[in-house]
């Protein structure tokens, strides 16, 4: 799951979410199939915890938040307690690439929603890399969804 291919993206809306509603509480759960490389983006008002492999913590989740500005806040799980430092570092590097791919999936998969709320295209994206290793526990700014749409010349 390192190069985004829109043809491999499957989008599922979990009621009460729809292609254009709601803004408040909108959440994304993105997983992938190792068998066929398909990305599955679930959009709802709750995360779809049923599809995340608890043993591997291999899902990507994000949600729209606001106080004085809108922002997309997500998290990925880098390392568990049983990971060696080397394994954790390798997974961290892989997940950095995977996160960019996940953001392409969200931007493309929810483009109708984004066209209804164009102010979200410029909202900052913050991703928390969770880890039991303090050196790998970081928050990064991944730009905005406009950046991920523009890379593939998608238009809203």
Protein backbone atom coordinates (compact mmCIF):
# COMPACT_ATOMS: atom_id res chain seq x y z
CA UNK A 1 0.00 0.00 0.00
CA UNK A 2 2.52 2.62 -1.04
CA UNK A 3 1.22 4.02 -4.36
CA UNK A 4 -2.34 5.26 -4.46
CA UNK A 5 -4.47 3.81 -7.24
CA UNK A 6 -8.05 5.17 -7.32
CA UNK A 7 -9.24 1.99 -9.03
CA UNK A 8 -8.25 -0.02 -5.96
CA UNK A 9 -10.27 2.17 -3.56
CA UNK A 10 -13.59 0.96 -2.20
CA UNK A 11 -15.64 3.52 -0.26
CA UNK A 12 -18.36 2.50 2.19
CA UNK A 13 -20.66 4.91 4.01
CA UNK A 14 -21.83 3.85 7.44
CA UNK A 15 -25.20 5.37 8.28
CA UNK A 16 -26.01 8.06 9.20
CA UNK A 17 -23.08 9.30 7.10
CA UNK A 18 -23.64 9.99 3.43
CA UNK A 19 -21.49 11.35 0.58
CA UNK A 20 -22.15 14.93 1.78
CA UNK A 21 -23.14 14.73 5.47
CA UNK A 22 -22.32 15.14 8.31
CA UNK A 23 -19.42 17.50 8.73
CA UNK A 24 -19.47 17.40 12.51
CA UNK A 25 -18.26 14.02 13.74
CA UNK A 26 -17.20 12.70 10.31
CA UNK A 27 -14.69 9.90 10.77
CA UNK A 28 -12.57 7.79 8.43
CA UNK A 29 -11.28 4.26 8.87
CA UNK A 30 -8.94 3.11 6.13
CA UNK A 31 -7.67 -0.45 5.86
CA UNK A 32 -6.13 -2.50 3.09
CA UNK A 33 -6.13 -6.03 1.85
CA UNK A 34 -2.76 -7.75 1.63
CA UNK A 35 -4.32 -10.23 -0.82
CA UNK A 36 -5.38 -7.84 -3.59
CA UNK A 37 -4.00 -4.44 -2.56
CA UNK A 38 -7.47 -2.95 -2.30
CA UNK A 39 -7.98 0.03 0.02
CA UNK A 40 -11.23 0.15 1.97
CA UNK A 41 -12.35 3.56 3.21
CA UNK A 42 -15.20 3.52 5.71
CA UNK A 43 -16.82 6.90 6.33
CA UNK A 44 -19.11 7.29 9.31
CA UNK A 45 -19.76 9.02 12.60
CA UNK A 46 -17.78 6.34 14.44
CA UNK A 47 -14.56 4.57 13.54
CA UNK A 48 -15.10 1.09 12.11
CA UNK A 49 -13.10 -0.77 14.75
CA UNK A 50 -14.42 -4.10 13.45
CA UNK A 51 -12.10 -3.92 10.41
CA UNK A 52 -8.90 -3.01 12.23
CA UNK A 53 -6.63 -5.93 13.08
CA UNK A 54 -6.12 -5.47 16.83
CA UNK A 55 -3.01 -7.62 16.88
CA UNK A 56 -1.26 -5.55 14.20
CA UNK A 57 -3.03 -2.22 14.80
CA UNK A 58 -2.84 -1.80 11.05
CA UNK A 59 -5.68 0.63 10.39
CA UNK A 60 -5.50 4.34 9.67
CA UNK A 61 -8.12 6.51 11.35
CA UNK A 62 -8.84 10.22 11.05
CA UNK A 63 -11.62 12.63 11.92
CA UNK A 64 -12.64 16.21 11.36
CA UNK A 65 -12.24 18.36 14.46
CA UNK A 66 -12.86 22.02 15.10
CA UNK A 67 -12.64 24.62 17.78
CA UNK A 68 -11.51 27.83 16.09
CA UNK A 69 -10.46 26.11 12.84
CA UNK A 70 -11.19 22.86 11.06
CA UNK A 71 -8.46 20.24 10.99
CA UNK A 72 -8.19 16.60 10.02
CA UNK A 73 -6.64 14.66 12.88
CA UNK A 74 -5.52 11.07 12.43
CA UNK A 75 -3.40 8.42 14.01
CA UNK A 76 -1.43 5.36 13.14
CA UNK A 77 0.04 2.81 15.49
CA UNK A 78 3.80 2.46 14.98
CA UNK A 79 5.05 0.01 17.56
CA UNK A 80 3.80 -2.27 20.24
CA UNK A 81 5.68 -3.31 23.36
CA UNK A 82 7.00 -6.50 21.75
CA UNK A 83 8.65 -4.67 18.82
CA UNK A 84 12.42 -4.32 18.83
CA UNK A 85 13.77 -0.82 18.28
CA UNK A 86 14.84 -1.80 14.76
CA UNK A 87 11.42 -3.30 13.91
CA UNK A 88 9.70 -0.20 15.24
CA UNK A 89 11.92 2.11 13.17
CA UNK A 90 11.29 0.08 10.02
CA UNK A 91 7.52 0.14 10.63
CA UNK A 92 7.67 3.89 11.31
CA UNK A 93 9.31 4.53 7.92
CA UNK A 94 6.77 2.30 6.18
CA UNK A 95 3.83 4.00 7.94
CA UNK A 96 5.05 7.44 6.91
CA UNK A 97 4.68 6.40 3.25
CA UNK A 98 1.42 4.61 4.02
CA UNK A 99 -0.02 7.74 5.66
CA UNK A 100 0.47 9.77 2.48
CA UNK A 101 -1.32 7.03 0.55
CA UNK A 102 -4.15 6.99 3.11
CA UNK A 103 -4.58 10.75 2.73
CA UNK A 104 -4.81 10.34 -1.05
CA UNK A 105 -7.52 7.75 -0.41
CA UNK A 106 -9.49 10.05 1.89
CA UNK A 107 -9.19 13.03 -0.46
CA UNK A 108 -10.24 11.02 -3.51
CA UNK A 109 -12.82 8.83 -1.79
CA UNK A 110 -14.58 11.75 -0.10
CA UNK A 111 -14.20 14.30 -2.91
CA UNK A 112 -17.98 14.90 -3.19
CA UNK A 113 -18.06 15.81 0.50
CA UNK A 114 -15.04 18.09 0.03
CA UNK A 115 -16.75 19.81 -2.89
CA UNK A 116 -19.66 20.58 -0.51
CA UNK A 117 -17.25 22.02 2.09
CA UNK A 118 -14.39 23.61 0.09
CA UNK A 119 -12.98 25.31 3.18
CA UNK A 120 -11.82 21.85 4.32
CA UNK A 121 -9.44 21.58 1.36
CA UNK A 122 -7.08 24.02 3.10
CA UNK A 123 -7.55 22.65 6.61
CA UNK A 124 -4.34 21.34 8.19
CA UNK A 125 -3.81 17.61 8.64
CA UNK A 126 -2.21 16.41 11.87
CA UNK A 127 -1.24 12.77 12.25
CA UNK A 128 -0.17 11.23 15.55
CA UNK A 129 2.28 8.37 15.27
CA UNK A 130 1.59 6.32 18.39
CA UNK A 131 4.31 4.15 19.83
CA UNK A 132 5.54 2.69 23.07
CA UNK A 133 8.93 4.05 21.97
CA UNK A 134 8.99 7.77 22.95
CA UNK A 135 11.35 8.60 20.06
CA UNK A 136 8.74 7.44 17.55
CA UNK A 137 5.75 9.06 19.26
CA UNK A 138 5.31 12.24 17.23
CA UNK A 139 2.70 14.51 15.67
CA UNK A 140 3.26 15.62 12.09
CA UNK A 141 1.58 18.19 9.88
CA UNK A 142 0.85 16.49 6.55
CA UNK A 143 -0.30 19.65 4.75
CA UNK A 144 -3.88 19.82 3.47
CA UNK A 145 -6.18 17.63 1.39
CA UNK A 146 -5.85 20.10 -1.48
CA UNK A 147 -2.24 18.97 -1.74
CA UNK A 148 -3.26 15.32 -2.08
CA UNK A 149 -5.90 16.07 -4.70
CA UNK A 150 -3.59 18.35 -6.69
CA UNK A 151 -0.85 15.72 -6.94
CA UNK A 152 -3.14 13.65 -9.13
CA UNK A 153 -4.92 16.63 -10.69
CA UNK A 154 -8.28 15.69 -9.23
CA UNK A 155 -10.74 18.49 -9.43
CA UNK A 156 -13.46 19.33 -6.99
